[in-house]
Amino acid sequence: MKKIVLSLIFIVVVMTSKAQIQYGAKAGLNIATWKGEHADDIGERESHLHIHAGVLVNIPITDRINVQPELLYSGEGVKYDFYYIDADRQKLGYLNIPVLVQYNHPLGFFAETGPQVGLLLSAKLGDGKIFVDNKDDFKKTDLKWILGVGFKSKYGAGINIRYNMGLVELYDEADLKVKNSVIGIGLFYMFSAKK
């Protein structure tokens, strides 16, 4: 087993050492809400606007296939007319770590998919003016699957749109089953792109 792991590490190092690894930054808008078994039981639900921003590394594996890990701050949550409490929005802040596989077309278009782990940084419940911390109500990690498309110019600038589908329940309480659901629209720039 040890030999297999070392062989895989060696292959990855050799492949990436000859590849033009690119580094970049990105930022954009999240349209966030909740889905799930009890999403409609809490109140009248609306999408909520947030931001995301962070850095990325793009690693070519073949001429058409890349792997792209990212490190992003992501604002998420939901806007509700809650039935049970005097509040109208739940804000969640995550440090998201997606690892995506991209298929690239020669014209600059790409499709991407992969898992994302989110570490909960903050949770605030409020009415738009006054918020209370309720981080203890939520699980500390979130797991999503990402589906996305985008375009990258030869100058390194690009745009993408993603659907981040929540895979796990958000609350520690087993009797409240909701998951994050986020559409992200972002702009990015690859600093080491060929000119």
C-alpha atoms as a PDB file:
ATOM      1  CA  MET A   1       0.000   0.000   0.000  1.00  0.00           C
ATOM      2  CA  LYS A   2       2.832   2.362   0.863  1.00  0.00           C
ATOM      3  CA  LYS A   3       4.429   1.754  -2.557  1.00  0.00           C
ATOM      4  CA  ILE A   4       1.158   2.506  -4.337  1.00  0.00           C
ATOM      5  CA  VAL A   5       0.700   5.802  -2.463  1.00  0.00           C
ATOM      6  CA  LEU A   6       4.308   6.835  -3.153  1.00  0.00           C
ATOM      7  CA  SER A   7       3.894   5.932  -6.835  1.00  0.00           C
ATOM      8  CA  LEU A   8       0.743   8.056  -7.112  1.00  0.00           C
ATOM      9  CA  ILE A   9       2.470  11.005  -5.427  1.00  0.00           C
ATOM     10  CA  PHE A  10       5.409  10.637  -7.828  1.00  0.00           C
ATOM     11  CA  ILE A  11       3.106  10.584 -10.876  1.00  0.00           C
ATOM     12  CA  VAL A  12       1.239  13.712  -9.712  1.00  0.00           C
ATOM     13  CA  VAL A  13       4.525  15.558  -9.028  1.00  0.00           C
ATOM     14  CA  VAL A  14       5.898  14.658 -12.469  1.00  0.00           C
ATOM     15  CA  MET A  15       2.666  15.685 -14.229  1.00  0.00           C
ATOM     16  CA  THR A  16       2.349  19.008 -12.440  1.00  0.00           C
ATOM     17  CA  SER A  17       6.048  19.877 -12.644  1.00  0.00           C
ATOM     18  CA  LYS A  18       5.772  20.132 -16.449  1.00  0.00           C
ATOM     19  CA  ALA A  19       2.391  21.821 -16.398  1.00  0.00           C
ATOM     20  CA  GLN A  20       1.786  25.550 -16.344  1.00  0.00           C
ATOM     21  CA  ILE A  21       0.141  25.916 -12.954  1.00  0.00           C
ATOM     22  CA  GLN A  22      -1.898  29.105 -12.765  1.00  0.00           C
ATOM     23  CA  TYR A  23      -2.869  31.113  -9.694  1.00  0.00           C
ATOM     24  CA  GLY A  24      -5.817  33.417  -9.491  1.00  0.00           C
ATOM     25  CA  ALA A  25      -8.335  35.392  -7.470  1.00  0.00           C
ATOM     26  CA  LYS A  26     -12.105  35.547  -7.756  1.00  0.00           C
ATOM     27  CA  ALA A  27     -15.140  37.318  -6.345  1.00  0.00           C
ATOM     28  CA  GLY A  28     -18.833  37.317  -7.014  1.00  0.00           C
ATOM     29  CA  LEU A  29     -22.423  37.168  -5.897  1.00  0.00           C
ATOM     30  CA  ASN A  30     -24.285  34.322  -4.203  1.00  0.00           C
ATOM     31  CA  ILE A  31     -28.031  33.815  -4.540  1.00  0.00           C
ATOM     32  CA  ALA A  32     -28.661  31.620  -1.512  1.00  0.00           C
ATOM     33  CA  THR A  33     -31.618  29.789  -0.040  1.00  0.00           C
ATOM     34  CA  TRP A  34     -32.452  26.554   1.763  1.00  0.00           C
ATOM     35  CA  LYS A  35     -33.871  23.339   0.368  1.00  0.00           C
ATOM     36  CA  GLY A  36     -34.943  20.151   2.048  1.00  0.00           C
ATOM     37  CA  GLU A  37     -37.712  18.284   3.777  1.00  0.00           C
ATOM     38  CA  HIS A  38     -38.572  21.073   6.241  1.00  0.00           C
ATOM     39  CA  ALA A  39     -37.595  24.139   4.198  1.00  0.00           C
ATOM     40  CA  ASP A  40     -41.229  25.175   3.748  1.00  0.00           C
ATOM     41  CA  ASP A  41     -42.211  24.405   7.347  1.00  0.00           C
ATOM     42  CA  ILE A  42     -40.200  27.273   8.849  1.00  0.00           C
ATOM     43  CA  GLY A  43     -41.861  30.136   6.996  1.00  0.00           C
ATOM     44  CA  GLU A  44     -42.252  31.914   3.684  1.00  0.00           C
ATOM     45  CA  ARG A  45     -38.842  31.557   2.027  1.00  0.00           C
ATOM     46  CA  GLU A  46     -36.931  33.898  -0.314  1.00  0.00           C
ATOM     47  CA  SER A  47     -33.468  33.870  -1.845  1.00  0.00           C
ATOM     48  CA  HIS A  48     -30.889  36.046  -0.132  1.00  0.00           C
ATOM     49  CA  LEU A  49     -27.955  37.869  -1.760  1.00  0.00           C
ATOM     50  CA  HIS A  50     -24.424  37.443  -0.388  1.00  0.00           C
ATOM     51  CA  ILE A  51     -20.841  37.670  -1.657  1.00  0.00           C
ATOM     52  CA  HIS A  52     -18.026  35.201  -2.168  1.00  0.00           C
ATOM     53  CA  ALA A  53     -14.316  35.885  -2.662  1.00  0.00           C
ATOM     54  CA  GLY A  54     -11.031  34.025  -2.526  1.00  0.00           C
ATOM     55  CA  VAL A  55      -8.093  32.469  -4.327  1.00  0.00           C
ATOM     56  CA  LEU A  56      -7.610  29.475  -6.613  1.00  0.00           C
ATOM     57  CA  VAL A  57      -4.972  27.249  -8.194  1.00  0.00           C
ATOM     58  CA  ASN A  58      -5.502  25.722 -11.649  1.00  0.00           C
ATOM     59  CA  ILE A  59      -3.470  22.580 -12.371  1.00  0.00           C
ATOM     60  CA  PRO A  60      -3.489  21.133 -15.911  1.00  0.00           C
ATOM     61  CA  ILE A  61      -3.668  17.322 -16.026  1.00  0.00           C
ATOM     62  CA  THR A  62      -4.115  16.956 -19.802  1.00  0.00           C
ATOM     63  CA  ASP A  63      -4.710  19.394 -22.671  1.00  0.00           C
ATOM     64  CA  ARG A  64      -8.414  19.532 -21.815  1.00  0.00           C
ATOM     65  CA  ILE A  65      -8.652  18.487 -18.151  1.00  0.00           C
ATOM     66  CA  ASN A  66      -7.644  20.659 -15.165  1.00  0.00           C
ATOM     67  CA  VAL A  67      -8.002  20.294 -11.412  1.00  0.00           C
ATOM     68  CA  GLN A  68      -8.855  23.492  -9.540  1.00  0.00           C
ATOM     69  CA  PRO A  69      -8.718  23.726  -5.727  1.00  0.00           C
ATOM     70  CA  GLU A  70     -10.009  26.973  -4.227  1.00  0.00           C
ATOM     71  CA  LEU A  71     -10.181  28.734  -0.875  1.00  0.00           C
ATOM     72  CA  LEU A  72     -13.225  31.011  -0.603  1.00  0.00           C
ATOM     73  CA  TYR A  73     -15.143  33.044   1.907  1.00  0.00           C
ATOM     74  CA  SER A  74     -18.823  32.481   1.098  1.00  0.00           C
ATOM     75  CA  GLY A  75     -21.824  34.300   2.533  1.00  0.00           C
ATOM     76  CA  GLU A  76     -24.893  32.061   2.514  1.00  0.00           C
ATOM     77  CA  GLY A  77     -28.182  31.651   4.344  1.00  0.00           C
ATOM     78  CA  VAL A  78     -31.797  32.452   3.648  1.00  0.00           C
ATOM     79  CA  LYS A  79     -34.416  35.169   3.922  1.00  0.00           C
ATOM     80  CA  TYR A  80     -37.610  34.010   5.665  1.00  0.00           C
ATOM     81  CA  ASP A  81     -40.848  35.271   7.034  1.00  0.00           C
ATOM     82  CA  PHE A  82     -40.311  32.954  10.008  1.00  0.00           C
ATOM     83  CA  TYR A  83     -43.465  31.535  11.565  1.00  0.00           C
ATOM     84  CA  TYR A  84     -41.987  31.055  15.034  1.00  0.00           C
ATOM     85  CA  ILE A  85     -39.593  33.939  15.684  1.00  0.00           C
ATOM     86  CA  ASP A  86     -39.330  37.690  15.165  1.00  0.00           C
ATOM     87  CA  ALA A  87     -36.603  37.630  12.501  1.00  0.00           C
ATOM     88  CA  ASP A  88     -36.465  37.675   8.731  1.00  0.00           C
ATOM     89  CA  ARG A  89     -33.042  36.340   7.748  1.00  0.00           C
ATOM     90  CA  GLN A  90     -30.420  33.789   8.676  1.00  0.00           C
ATOM     91  CA  LYS A  91     -26.867  34.675   7.652  1.00  0.00           C
ATOM     92  CA  LEU A  92     -24.193  31.980   7.405  1.00  0.00           C
ATOM     93  CA  GLY A  93     -20.506  32.538   6.647  1.00  0.00           C
ATOM     94  CA  TYR A  94     -18.304  29.688   5.444  1.00  0.00           C
ATOM     95  CA  LEU A  95     -14.695  29.064   4.519  1.00  0.00           C
ATOM     96  CA  ASN A  96     -15.317  26.870   1.472  1.00  0.00           C
ATOM     97  CA  ILE A  97     -12.757  24.511  -0.037  1.00  0.00           C
ATOM     98  CA  PRO A  98     -13.931  23.191  -3.416  1.00  0.00           C
ATOM     99  CA  VAL A  99     -11.812  20.791  -5.484  1.00  0.00           C
ATOM    100  CA  LEU A 100     -13.128  20.851  -9.039  1.00  0.00           C
ATOM    101  CA  VAL A 101     -12.373  18.934 -12.216  1.00  0.00           C
ATOM    102  CA  GLN A 102     -12.688  21.132 -15.315  1.00  0.00           C
ATOM    103  CA  TYR A 103     -13.161  20.177 -18.940  1.00  0.00           C
ATOM    104  CA  ASN A 104     -11.852  22.952 -21.192  1.00  0.00           C
ATOM    105  CA  HIS A 105     -12.857  23.758 -24.778  1.00  0.00           C
ATOM    106  CA  PRO A 106     -10.203  25.389 -27.017  1.00  0.00           C
ATOM    107  CA  LEU A 107     -12.406  28.478 -27.419  1.00  0.00           C
ATOM    108  CA  GLY A 108     -12.188  29.190 -23.675  1.00  0.00           C
ATOM    109  CA  PHE A 109     -15.437  27.691 -22.436  1.00  0.00           C
ATOM    110  CA  PHE A 110     -15.305  25.153 -19.612  1.00  0.00           C
ATOM    111  CA  ALA A 111     -17.515  22.908 -17.510  1.00  0.00           C
ATOM    112  CA  GLU A 112     -16.636  21.965 -13.938  1.00  0.00           C
ATOM    113  CA  THR A 113     -17.803  19.698 -11.158  1.00  0.00           C
ATOM    114  CA  GLY A 114     -16.597  18.414  -7.818  1.00  0.00           C
ATOM    115  CA  PRO A 115     -17.062  18.351  -4.049  1.00  0.00           C
ATOM    116  CA  GLN A 116     -16.838  21.256  -1.635  1.00  0.00           C
ATOM    117  CA  VAL A 117     -16.268  21.247   2.110  1.00  0.00           C
ATOM    118  CA  GLY A 118     -17.418  24.296   4.049  1.00  0.00           C
ATOM    119  CA  LEU A 119     -16.223  25.260   7.532  1.00  0.00           C
ATOM    120  CA  LEU A 120     -18.768  27.378   9.386  1.00  0.00           C
ATOM    121  CA  LEU A 121     -17.272  30.721  10.441  1.00  0.00           C
ATOM    122  CA  SER A 122     -20.392  32.579  11.574  1.00  0.00           C
ATOM    123  CA  ALA A 123     -24.156  32.301  11.931  1.00  0.00           C
ATOM    124  CA  LYS A 124     -26.388  35.274  12.724  1.00  0.00           C
ATOM    125  CA  LEU A 125     -30.154  35.476  12.964  1.00  0.00           C
ATOM    126  CA  GLY A 126     -31.889  38.843  12.764  1.00  0.00           C
ATOM    127  CA  ASP A 127     -34.206  41.359  11.174  1.00  0.00           C
ATOM    128  CA  GLY A 128     -31.741  43.294   9.012  1.00  0.00           C
ATOM    129  CA  LYS A 129     -30.747  45.691  11.810  1.00  0.00           C
ATOM    130  CA  ILE A 130     -30.188  43.607  14.942  1.00  0.00           C
ATOM    131  CA  PHE A 131     -28.586  40.158  14.750  1.00  0.00           C
ATOM    132  CA  VAL A 132     -27.834  37.538  17.374  1.00  0.00           C
ATOM    133  CA  ASP A 133     -25.176  34.862  17.140  1.00  0.00           C
ATOM    134  CA  ASN A 134     -26.655  31.378  16.766  1.00  0.00           C
ATOM    135  CA  LYS A 135     -23.618  29.468  15.498  1.00  0.00           C
ATOM    136  CA  ASP A 136     -24.123  26.749  18.112  1.00  0.00           C
ATOM    137  CA  ASP A 137     -27.375  25.723  16.404  1.00  0.00           C
ATOM    138  CA  PHE A 138     -25.560  24.620  13.244  1.00  0.00           C
ATOM    139  CA  LYS A 139     -23.185  21.850  12.245  1.00  0.00           C
ATOM    140  CA  LYS A 140     -19.609  23.058  11.979  1.00  0.00           C
ATOM    141  CA  THR A 141     -19.066  21.620   8.482  1.00  0.00           C
ATOM    142  CA  ASP A 142     -21.122  21.641   5.305  1.00  0.00           C
ATOM    143  CA  LEU A 143     -20.712  19.455   2.235  1.00  0.00           C
ATOM    144  CA  LYS A 144     -21.862  20.425  -1.249  1.00  0.00           C
ATOM    145  CA  TRP A 145     -21.544  19.175  -4.821  1.00  0.00           C
ATOM    146  CA  ILE A 146     -20.771  21.808  -7.456  1.00  0.00           C
ATOM    147  CA  LEU A 147     -21.894  21.956 -11.087  1.00  0.00           C
ATOM    148  CA  GLY A 148     -20.719  24.891 -13.158  1.00  0.00           C
ATOM    149  CA  VAL A 149     -19.834  26.424 -16.499  1.00  0.00           C
ATOM    150  CA  GLY A 150     -17.729  29.393 -17.461  1.00  0.00           C
ATOM    151  CA  PHE A 151     -15.463  31.171 -19.895  1.00  0.00           C
ATOM    152  CA  LYS A 152     -11.782  32.110 -19.561  1.00  0.00           C
ATOM    153  CA  SER A 153     -10.147  34.502 -22.017  1.00  0.00           C
ATOM    154  CA  LYS A 154      -6.572  34.080 -23.232  1.00  0.00           C
ATOM    155  CA  TYR A 155      -5.696  37.141 -21.115  1.00  0.00           C
ATOM    156  CA  GLY A 156      -6.665  35.364 -17.885  1.00  0.00           C
ATOM    157  CA  ALA A 157      -9.952  37.116 -17.082  1.00  0.00           C
ATOM    158  CA  GLY A 158     -13.091  35.026 -16.901  1.00  0.00           C
ATOM    159  CA  ILE A 159     -16.610  34.502 -15.626  1.00  0.00           C
ATOM    160  CA  ASN A 160     -18.383  31.474 -14.218  1.00  0.00           C
ATOM    161  CA  ILE A 161     -21.735  30.392 -12.843  1.00  0.00           C
ATOM    162  CA  ARG A 162     -22.187  27.520 -10.402  1.00  0.00           C
ATOM    163  CA  TYR A 163     -24.880  25.647  -8.605  1.00  0.00           C
ATOM    164  CA  ASN A 164     -23.759  24.557  -5.134  1.00  0.00           C
ATOM    165  CA  MET A 165     -26.045  21.738  -4.022  1.00  0.00           C
ATOM    166  CA  GLY A 166     -26.088  21.038  -0.282  1.00  0.00           C
ATOM    167  CA  LEU A 167     -25.641  17.370   0.613  1.00  0.00           C
ATOM    168  CA  VAL A 168     -25.948  17.449   4.422  1.00  0.00           C
ATOM    169  CA  GLU A 169     -28.427  18.861   6.926  1.00  0.00           C
ATOM    170  CA  LEU A 170     -27.431  22.213   8.446  1.00  0.00           C
ATOM    171  CA  TYR A 171     -28.866  21.985  11.945  1.00  0.00           C
ATOM    172  CA  ASP A 172     -27.578  19.782  14.745  1.00  0.00           C
ATOM    173  CA  GLU A 173     -31.218  19.037  15.557  1.00  0.00           C
ATOM    174  CA  ALA A 174     -32.344  15.923  13.671  1.00  0.00           C
ATOM    175  CA  ASP A 175     -35.962  17.141  13.516  1.00  0.00           C
ATOM    176  CA  LEU A 176     -35.159  20.196  11.332  1.00  0.00           C
ATOM    177  CA  LYS A 177     -33.933  19.043   7.930  1.00  0.00           C
ATOM    178  CA  VAL A 178     -32.724  21.824   5.635  1.00  0.00           C
ATOM    179  CA  LYS A 179     -29.715  22.147   3.328  1.00  0.00           C
ATOM    180  CA  ASN A 180     -27.896  25.036   1.688  1.00  0.00           C
ATOM    181  CA  SER A 181     -28.655  25.754  -1.967  1.00  0.00           C
ATOM    182  CA  VAL A 182     -26.531  28.429  -3.644  1.00  0.00           C
ATOM    183  CA  ILE A 183     -26.181  29.816  -7.157  1.00  0.00           C
ATOM    184  CA  GLY A 184     -22.884  31.668  -7.514  1.00  0.00           C
ATOM    185  CA  ILE A 185     -21.945  34.101 -10.285  1.00  0.00           C
ATOM    186  CA  GLY A 186     -18.299  35.104 -10.212  1.00  0.00           C
ATOM    187  CA  LEU A 187     -15.492  36.926 -11.983  1.00  0.00           C
ATOM    188  CA  PHE A 188     -11.918  35.671 -11.794  1.00  0.00           C
ATOM    189  CA  TYR A 189      -8.427  36.531 -13.006  1.00  0.00           C
ATOM    190  CA  MET A 190      -5.521  34.121 -13.517  1.00  0.00           C
ATOM    191  CA  PHE A 191      -2.319  36.004 -12.706  1.00  0.00           C
ATOM    192  CA  SER A 192      -0.003  33.590 -14.501  1.00  0.00           C
ATOM    193  CA  ALA A 193      -2.079  33.206 -17.670  1.00  0.00           C
ATOM    194  CA  LYS A 194      -0.268  33.411 -21.001  1.00  0.00           C
ATOM    195  CA  LYS A 195      -0.487  36.767 -22.721  1.00  0.00           C
END
